[in-house]
Amino acid sequence: MTVSEREVRVLRPRRAAPADAVRPTRAEVNLGALRANLRTLRRYADGAAVWAVLKADGYGHGAPAVARTLERAGVNGFCVALFEEGVELRDAGIRVPILVMGGYYGGVHREMALRGMVPVVYDLAQVEEFARLVRSGVIEGPVRVHLKVDTGMARLGVTMRELPQIVTSIAQLKEVRVEGLMSHFASADLLESTDTERQLALFEEARALLRRGGVEPALCHVANSAGVLRKVGTLDAVRPGIALFGVSPFAHTDSGPQFQQAMRVRTEIIAIRDVPAGERIGYGGSYTTTAPSVIATVAMGYADGLPRALSNRGHMLVRGRRAPIVGAVSMDMTMLDVTTIGRVSVRDEVVVLGAQEGPQGRDFISAAEVAAHVGTIAYEVLTSISRRVPRFYREP
């Protein structure tokens, strides 16, 4: 028996469970925000089917709970990067179509078919393996696939040069049906770029080439979150990811009032001390107090997903006001200067990401803001919140 013909057991790291949480650090996911963001994206999609992208544990929000919420809200399907991610969704009871986009299937072709997942293919060997399993009676055919063409990303996909030969070969394989044709925008988030228009033109060439070869995909899709919001490439289906979670796909730009950031990360103050002027704070003494200060220690560090690059430059919210991060972010803890906030106590809530309303006001820290501080993108901020931070799901 080959690897592809025996069941593959997929093991995944265990996420911290809310019931087991002792530390006050947690990520709160607003399920109502997810539904509202889906409704907004549907309006932008102009009738195209919405396939929600839930790669990387649903962009750090917890894929199973997010998927169940969106499935009940009527999403048309889900896109994941890995077979393992698809297994997690199926094991969570998800029944809508799941598109596996990563392209690496190892020996799990049989399991993909049996679990009703749709593979993205870009190489003839991938297609032929599915056809072989149908011919040998291991799985039923025809196997549905989505063919990916490379229109300018230079990452995955059949190149335009290779496409004619691939189409000729696929057209002869009756065991496989090309249900979808797809590509991926490289620069849709760059408003001044003309790359997106060039990619769309190439995609239409690929579509025409398939039609001439006798291959008629029912679903053509290319638009990611940025494409949907720009109303560019909204064909039969769209594949929004980051926008579903209320975060703008445009770098260092907040999402605006039409979207709601779904994740709020909070912790608490676990220690407070009065520090004289001239005292060095944290590893390496990278911060020195210039006046008598009140320094609070909070229970979150870089092992939880708080970027170490926020040392001496980021903020957290305490009692509704911003408190600067001082000293180096540690693995498990971080220090804040709360001198000007007043009446701060141990166990006071501290918001790392999201909104807080308190006695001293109301403020909001967005994923885009954190990303701008550390020179990255909001996607990385969200997906870096580690599995040791439990996810709590709530309705508004």
Protein backbone atom coordinates (compact mmCIF):
# COMPACT_ATOMS: atom_id res chain seq x y z
CA MET A 1 0.00 0.00 0.00
CA THR A 2 1.42 3.39 -0.98
CA VAL A 3 1.51 6.47 1.24
CA SER A 4 -1.28 8.02 -0.86
CA GLU A 5 -3.51 4.96 -0.36
CA ARG A 6 -3.41 4.81 3.42
CA GLU A 7 -4.99 7.30 5.76
CA VAL A 8 -2.70 10.08 6.91
CA ARG A 9 -2.96 11.21 10.51
CA VAL A 10 -2.42 14.94 10.84
CA LEU A 11 -1.19 16.25 14.19
CA ARG A 12 -1.48 19.92 15.09
CA PRO A 13 -0.08 21.99 17.97
CA ARG A 14 -2.66 22.46 20.71
CA ARG A 15 -3.89 25.99 21.26
CA ALA A 16 -4.34 27.20 24.83
CA ALA A 17 -7.96 26.59 25.80
CA PRO A 18 -10.03 29.30 27.52
CA ALA A 19 -11.04 26.83 30.24
CA ASP A 20 -7.37 26.23 31.07
CA ALA A 21 -6.36 29.91 31.15
CA VAL A 22 -4.72 31.11 34.37
CA ARG A 23 -2.86 34.12 33.04
CA PRO A 24 -5.05 37.14 32.23
CA THR A 25 -3.68 37.43 28.70
CA ARG A 26 -6.14 36.53 25.97
CA ALA A 27 -7.36 37.39 22.48
CA GLU A 28 -11.05 38.22 22.22
CA VAL A 29 -12.70 37.63 18.84
CA ASN A 30 -15.94 39.46 18.09
CA LEU A 31 -18.08 37.09 16.01
CA GLY A 32 -20.55 39.84 15.21
CA ALA A 33 -17.74 41.83 13.62
CA LEU A 34 -16.94 38.89 11.34
CA ARG A 35 -20.53 38.71 10.13
CA ALA A 36 -20.69 42.46 9.60
CA ASN A 37 -17.43 42.43 7.62
CA LEU A 38 -18.73 39.60 5.45
CA ARG A 39 -21.88 41.61 4.67
CA THR A 40 -19.76 44.61 3.69
CA LEU A 41 -17.53 42.51 1.43
CA ARG A 42 -20.57 41.02 -0.27
CA ARG A 43 -21.64 44.54 -1.25
CA TYR A 44 -18.21 45.22 -2.73
CA ALA A 45 -18.20 41.85 -4.54
CA ASP A 46 -21.15 42.82 -6.79
CA GLY A 47 -22.76 39.39 -6.72
CA ALA A 48 -19.59 37.29 -6.95
CA ALA A 49 -19.37 34.27 -4.65
CA VAL A 50 -17.32 34.96 -1.50
CA TRP A 51 -14.73 32.34 -0.57
CA ALA A 52 -13.22 33.36 2.77
CA VAL A 53 -9.47 32.83 3.14
CA LEU A 54 -8.69 31.20 6.50
CA LYS A 55 -4.98 30.52 6.16
CA ALA A 56 -2.70 30.55 9.20
CA ASP A 57 -5.39 29.59 11.72
CA GLY A 58 -7.81 32.15 10.32
CA TYR A 59 -5.21 34.94 10.38
CA GLY A 60 -4.60 34.13 14.03
CA HIS A 61 -8.27 34.33 15.05
CA GLY A 62 -8.85 30.57 15.34
CA ALA A 63 -10.00 28.98 12.09
CA PRO A 64 -12.67 26.54 13.36
CA ALA A 65 -14.71 29.12 15.28
CA VAL A 66 -14.34 31.69 12.51
CA ALA A 67 -15.37 29.15 9.88
CA ARG A 68 -18.47 28.04 11.80
CA THR A 69 -19.56 31.68 12.17
CA LEU A 70 -19.03 32.52 8.51
CA GLU A 71 -20.62 29.29 7.28
CA ARG A 72 -23.77 30.09 9.25
CA ALA A 73 -23.64 33.60 7.76
CA GLY A 74 -23.78 32.12 4.26
CA VAL A 75 -20.21 32.26 2.99
CA ASN A 76 -19.82 30.27 -0.24
CA GLY A 77 -16.60 28.45 0.60
CA PHE A 78 -13.23 28.61 2.34
CA CYS A 79 -9.66 28.83 1.09
CA VAL A 80 -6.74 27.43 3.06
CA ALA A 81 -3.05 27.10 2.31
CA LEU A 82 -2.46 23.60 3.67
CA PHE A 83 -4.21 20.25 3.61
CA GLU A 84 -3.79 20.18 7.39
CA GLU A 85 -5.78 23.41 7.67
CA GLY A 86 -8.55 21.86 5.60
CA VAL A 87 -8.61 18.81 7.89
CA GLU A 88 -9.04 21.07 10.90
CA LEU A 89 -12.08 22.71 9.29
CA ARG A 90 -13.66 19.41 8.26
CA ASP A 91 -13.08 18.01 11.76
CA ALA A 92 -14.85 21.12 13.10
CA GLY A 93 -17.94 20.16 11.09
CA ILE A 94 -17.52 22.57 8.16
CA ARG A 95 -19.47 21.39 5.12
CA VAL A 96 -19.06 24.12 2.49
CA PRO A 97 -16.36 23.68 -0.20
CA ILE A 98 -12.74 24.03 0.91
CA LEU A 99 -10.11 25.08 -1.61
CA VAL A 100 -6.53 24.03 -0.75
CA MET A 101 -4.25 26.57 -2.41
CA GLY A 102 -0.74 25.71 -1.21
CA GLY A 103 0.00 23.22 -3.96
CA TYR A 104 1.91 20.70 -1.84
CA TYR A 105 -0.08 17.52 -1.36
CA GLY A 106 2.64 14.95 -0.63
CA GLY A 107 0.83 11.64 -0.32
CA VAL A 108 -2.59 12.97 0.69
CA HIS A 109 -4.35 13.05 -2.70
CA ARG A 110 -6.73 10.29 -1.61
CA GLU A 111 -7.52 11.94 1.72
CA MET A 112 -8.22 15.26 0.02
CA ALA A 113 -10.77 13.66 -2.27
CA LEU A 114 -12.41 11.66 0.52
CA ARG A 115 -12.76 14.76 2.69
CA GLY A 116 -14.29 16.74 -0.14
CA MET A 117 -11.48 19.28 -0.49
CA VAL A 118 -10.72 20.89 -3.83
CA PRO A 119 -7.01 21.11 -4.72
CA VAL A 120 -5.36 23.95 -6.59
CA VAL A 121 -3.05 22.49 -9.24
CA TYR A 122 -0.34 24.08 -11.38
CA ASP A 123 1.71 21.09 -12.46
CA LEU A 124 0.72 18.19 -14.74
CA ALA A 125 2.13 15.64 -12.28
CA GLN A 126 -0.38 16.81 -9.65
CA VAL A 127 -3.28 16.31 -12.06
CA GLU A 128 -2.03 12.93 -13.26
CA GLU A 129 -1.82 11.62 -9.67
CA PHE A 130 -5.50 12.40 -9.09
CA ALA A 131 -6.36 10.78 -12.44
CA ARG A 132 -4.35 7.67 -11.53
CA LEU A 133 -6.26 7.23 -8.27
CA VAL A 134 -9.57 7.45 -10.12
CA ARG A 135 -8.47 4.90 -12.73
CA SER A 136 -7.31 2.50 -10.01
CA GLY A 137 -10.65 2.78 -8.20
CA VAL A 138 -9.16 4.30 -5.03
CA ILE A 139 -11.33 7.42 -5.33
CA GLU A 140 -14.37 8.33 -7.40
CA GLY A 141 -14.07 10.70 -10.30
CA PRO A 142 -14.00 13.07 -11.82
CA VAL A 143 -11.88 14.93 -9.27
CA ARG A 144 -12.63 18.65 -9.17
CA VAL A 145 -9.56 20.92 -9.33
CA HIS A 146 -8.82 24.61 -9.73
CA LEU A 147 -6.01 25.42 -12.15
CA LYS A 148 -3.72 28.27 -11.11
CA VAL A 149 -1.97 30.41 -13.70
CA ASP A 150 0.94 32.72 -12.93
CA THR A 151 0.09 36.17 -14.25
CA GLY A 152 2.90 38.04 -12.54
CA MET A 153 3.40 36.83 -8.96
CA ALA A 154 6.20 34.38 -9.92
CA ARG A 155 5.38 32.18 -6.96
CA LEU A 156 3.00 29.35 -7.92
CA GLY A 157 1.00 28.73 -11.06
CA VAL A 158 1.37 27.57 -14.63
CA THR A 159 3.29 30.14 -16.64
CA MET A 160 1.66 31.54 -19.75
CA ARG A 161 4.39 29.84 -21.77
CA GLU A 162 3.57 26.41 -20.33
CA LEU A 163 -0.20 26.83 -20.34
CA PRO A 164 -1.03 25.58 -23.89
CA GLN A 165 0.65 22.23 -23.29
CA ILE A 166 -0.93 21.84 -19.84
CA VAL A 167 -4.39 22.57 -21.23
CA THR A 168 -3.96 20.02 -24.03
CA SER A 169 -2.93 17.34 -21.54
CA ILE A 170 -5.67 18.13 -19.01
CA ALA A 171 -8.36 18.11 -21.69
CA GLN A 172 -7.49 14.46 -22.36
CA LEU A 173 -7.83 13.40 -18.71
CA LYS A 174 -11.50 12.56 -18.19
CA GLU A 175 -10.85 11.59 -14.58
CA VAL A 176 -10.22 15.25 -13.65
CA ARG A 177 -12.50 18.23 -14.12
CA VAL A 178 -11.12 21.77 -14.07
CA GLU A 179 -13.86 23.43 -12.05
CA GLY A 180 -11.99 26.70 -11.49
CA LEU A 181 -9.36 28.95 -13.01
CA MET A 182 -7.48 31.26 -10.68
CA SER A 183 -4.53 33.57 -10.27
CA HIS A 184 -3.32 35.89 -7.53
CA PHE A 185 -2.74 39.64 -7.50
CA ALA A 186 0.78 40.71 -6.59
CA SER A 187 0.21 44.45 -6.15
CA ALA A 188 -3.51 45.14 -5.77
CA ASP A 189 -2.74 46.95 -2.51
CA LEU A 190 -0.53 49.46 -4.35
CA LEU A 191 -2.99 51.96 -5.78
CA GLU A 192 -0.47 53.61 -8.08
CA SER A 193 0.71 50.34 -9.65
CA THR A 194 -0.41 49.16 -13.10
CA ASP A 195 0.57 45.55 -12.35
CA THR A 196 -3.00 44.56 -11.51
CA GLU A 197 -4.36 45.63 -14.88
CA ARG A 198 -1.57 43.70 -16.64
CA GLN A 199 -2.34 40.61 -14.57
CA LEU A 200 -6.03 40.82 -15.42
CA ALA A 201 -5.23 41.07 -19.13
CA LEU A 202 -3.05 37.94 -18.90
CA PHE A 203 -5.75 36.15 -16.93
CA GLU A 204 -8.26 36.84 -19.69
CA GLU A 205 -5.76 35.45 -22.22
CA ALA A 206 -5.48 32.30 -20.12
CA ARG A 207 -9.26 32.04 -19.88
CA ALA A 208 -9.61 32.28 -23.66
CA LEU A 209 -6.87 29.70 -24.17
CA LEU A 210 -8.67 27.21 -21.92
CA ARG A 211 -11.92 27.81 -23.77
CA ARG A 212 -10.25 27.13 -27.12
CA GLY A 213 -8.82 23.92 -25.65
CA GLY A 214 -12.24 22.70 -24.62
CA VAL A 215 -11.83 23.44 -20.92
CA GLU A 216 -14.60 25.59 -19.43
CA PRO A 217 -14.09 26.40 -15.73
CA ALA A 218 -17.29 27.33 -13.92
CA LEU A 219 -15.49 29.58 -11.43
CA CYS A 220 -12.87 32.17 -12.36
CA HIS A 221 -11.34 34.08 -9.47
CA VAL A 222 -8.37 36.31 -8.81
CA ALA A 223 -9.38 39.11 -6.40
CA ASN A 224 -7.99 39.20 -2.87
CA SER A 225 -9.12 41.69 -0.20
CA ALA A 226 -7.47 44.63 -1.96
CA GLY A 227 -8.97 43.61 -5.29
CA VAL A 228 -12.44 43.33 -3.78
CA LEU A 229 -12.24 46.75 -2.12
CA ARG A 230 -10.98 48.30 -5.37
CA LYS A 231 -13.64 46.36 -7.32
CA VAL A 232 -10.90 44.98 -9.55
CA GLY A 233 -11.06 41.38 -10.73
CA THR A 234 -14.38 40.53 -9.10
CA LEU A 235 -15.22 37.72 -11.51
CA ASP A 236 -17.26 34.63 -10.53
CA ALA A 237 -15.77 34.52 -7.04
CA VAL A 238 -13.56 36.59 -4.74
CA ARG A 239 -11.12 35.50 -2.05
CA PRO A 240 -11.00 38.07 0.77
CA GLY A 241 -8.80 37.33 3.75
CA ILE A 242 -7.55 40.19 5.93
CA ALA A 243 -10.59 42.40 5.29
CA LEU A 244 -12.89 39.76 6.80
CA PHE A 245 -11.15 40.44 10.09
CA GLY A 246 -11.70 44.18 9.82
CA VAL A 247 -8.15 45.09 8.86
CA SER A 248 -7.21 47.07 5.76
CA PRO A 249 -5.12 45.29 3.11
CA PHE A 250 -3.48 48.60 2.29
CA ALA A 251 -0.24 48.96 4.26
CA HIS A 252 -0.34 51.15 7.39
CA THR A 253 -3.93 52.18 6.67
CA ASP A 254 -6.74 51.69 9.15
CA SER A 255 -9.83 49.94 7.84
CA GLY A 256 -12.22 52.84 8.36
CA PRO A 257 -15.77 52.75 9.71
CA GLN A 258 -17.12 50.25 7.18
CA PHE A 259 -15.10 47.40 8.76
CA GLN A 260 -14.73 46.30 12.38
CA GLN A 261 -11.44 44.90 13.69
CA ALA A 262 -12.50 41.51 15.03
CA MET A 263 -9.61 40.84 17.42
CA ARG A 264 -8.96 42.55 20.73
CA VAL A 265 -5.91 41.45 22.75
CA ARG A 266 -5.92 42.22 26.45
CA THR A 267 -3.89 41.42 29.52
CA GLU A 268 -3.49 42.89 33.02
CA ILE A 269 -0.99 44.71 35.19
CA ILE A 270 0.76 42.19 37.44
CA ALA A 271 3.19 44.52 39.27
CA ILE A 272 3.71 48.25 39.88
CA ARG A 273 6.79 50.01 41.20
CA ASP A 274 7.98 53.57 41.83
CA VAL A 275 11.26 54.14 40.04
CA PRO A 276 13.55 57.15 40.69
CA ALA A 277 15.02 59.31 37.95
CA GLY A 278 18.07 57.82 36.27
CA GLU A 279 16.95 54.19 36.69
CA ARG A 280 17.53 51.79 33.81
CA ILE A 281 14.60 49.59 32.78
CA GLY A 282 14.58 46.03 31.41
CA TYR A 283 17.10 43.84 29.58
CA GLY A 284 20.17 45.81 28.53
CA GLY A 285 18.88 48.91 30.29
CA SER A 286 17.69 50.32 26.97
CA TYR A 287 15.45 52.88 28.70
CA THR A 288 16.44 55.27 31.47
CA THR A 289 13.87 57.25 33.44
CA THR A 290 14.32 61.03 33.21
CA ALA A 291 12.09 61.73 36.23
CA PRO A 292 10.52 59.78 39.08
CA SER A 293 8.24 57.29 37.30
CA VAL A 294 5.58 54.68 37.93
CA ILE A 295 6.40 51.52 35.97
CA ALA A 296 3.81 48.78 35.48
CA THR A 297 4.65 45.24 34.40
CA VAL A 298 2.09 43.46 32.20
CA ALA A 299 1.73 39.76 31.45
CA MET A 300 2.50 39.67 27.73
CA GLY A 301 5.76 39.41 25.81
CA TYR A 302 7.26 38.41 22.51
CA ALA A 303 6.51 34.71 23.06
CA ASP A 304 2.84 35.71 22.97
CA GLY A 305 3.25 37.56 19.70
CA LEU A 306 4.03 41.07 20.94
CA PRO A 307 6.83 42.22 18.59
CA ARG A 308 10.11 42.84 20.40
CA ALA A 309 10.61 45.73 17.99
CA LEU A 310 7.95 47.61 20.00
CA SER A 311 10.54 48.12 22.72
CA ASN A 312 10.63 51.83 23.63
CA ARG A 313 8.27 52.77 20.80
CA GLY A 314 4.83 51.13 21.08
CA HIS A 315 1.89 51.75 23.41
CA MET A 316 -0.80 49.88 25.33
CA LEU A 317 -4.07 51.19 26.74
CA VAL A 318 -4.60 51.56 30.49
CA ARG A 319 -7.76 53.13 31.92
CA GLY A 320 -8.59 54.40 28.43
CA ARG A 321 -5.26 56.17 27.82
CA ARG A 322 -2.03 55.32 26.05
CA ALA A 323 0.90 54.15 28.14
CA PRO A 324 4.28 53.92 26.38
CA ILE A 325 6.24 50.68 26.35
CA VAL A 326 9.56 51.24 28.11
CA GLY A 327 12.56 49.00 28.04
CA ALA A 328 12.92 45.83 26.00
CA VAL A 329 9.86 43.65 25.46
CA SER A 330 10.67 40.43 27.32
CA MET A 331 9.61 36.89 26.43
CA ASP A 332 6.69 36.85 28.86
CA MET A 333 6.35 40.41 30.20
CA THR A 334 6.53 44.04 29.17
CA MET A 335 6.91 47.28 31.12
CA LEU A 336 4.80 50.42 30.70
CA ASP A 337 5.28 53.95 31.98
CA VAL A 338 1.96 54.77 33.68
CA THR A 339 3.19 57.85 35.55
CA THR A 340 0.68 60.24 34.01
CA ILE A 341 -2.31 57.91 34.11
CA GLY A 342 -2.92 57.94 37.84
CA ARG A 343 -4.68 55.50 40.21
CA VAL A 344 -3.31 52.47 38.40
CA SER A 345 -3.65 49.18 40.28
CA VAL A 346 -2.56 45.58 39.94
CA ARG A 347 -5.19 43.64 37.94
CA ASP A 348 -6.13 46.71 35.87
CA GLU A 349 -6.95 45.74 32.30
CA VAL A 350 -4.35 46.54 29.64
CA VAL A 351 -5.30 46.48 25.95
CA VAL A 352 -2.56 45.55 23.52
CA LEU A 353 -4.70 45.55 20.38
CA GLY A 354 -8.18 46.99 19.92
CA ALA A 355 -10.36 49.41 21.86
CA GLN A 356 -10.58 50.31 25.53
CA GLU A 357 -12.93 52.67 27.31
CA GLY A 358 -11.97 53.71 30.82
CA PRO A 359 -12.13 56.49 33.42
CA GLN A 360 -9.58 58.53 31.49
CA GLY A 361 -11.06 58.24 28.01
CA ARG A 362 -11.40 55.92 25.06
CA ASP A 363 -8.73 54.91 22.55
CA PHE A 364 -8.00 52.27 19.94
CA ILE A 365 -4.82 50.50 18.83
CA SER A 366 -5.11 49.01 15.35
CA ALA A 367 -3.10 46.21 13.82
CA ALA A 368 -1.97 48.72 11.19
CA GLU A 369 -0.57 51.00 13.88
CA VAL A 370 1.43 48.20 15.48
CA ALA A 371 2.71 47.14 12.06
CA ALA A 372 3.84 50.68 11.24
CA HIS A 373 5.79 50.86 14.51
CA VAL A 374 7.79 47.74 13.74
CA GLY A 375 8.11 48.00 9.95
CA THR A 376 5.89 45.11 8.97
CA ILE A 377 2.30 44.53 7.83
CA ALA A 378 -0.90 43.96 9.79
CA TYR A 379 -1.09 40.36 8.51
CA GLU A 380 2.08 39.49 10.44
CA VAL A 381 0.85 41.24 13.59
CA LEU A 382 -2.33 39.15 13.67
CA THR A 383 -0.82 35.80 12.70
CA SER A 384 1.98 36.21 15.25
CA ILE A 385 -0.39 36.09 18.25
CA SER A 386 0.81 32.75 19.55
CA ARG A 387 -1.15 29.63 20.39
CA ARG A 388 -0.39 30.04 24.08
CA VAL A 389 -2.74 33.05 24.07
CA PRO A 390 -6.25 31.57 24.39
CA ARG A 391 -8.96 32.84 22.03
CA PHE A 392 -12.24 33.86 23.62
CA TYR A 393 -15.23 34.21 21.28
CA ARG A 394 -18.01 36.62 22.02
CA GLU A 395 -21.06 38.16 20.48
CA PRO A 396 -21.41 41.97 20.53
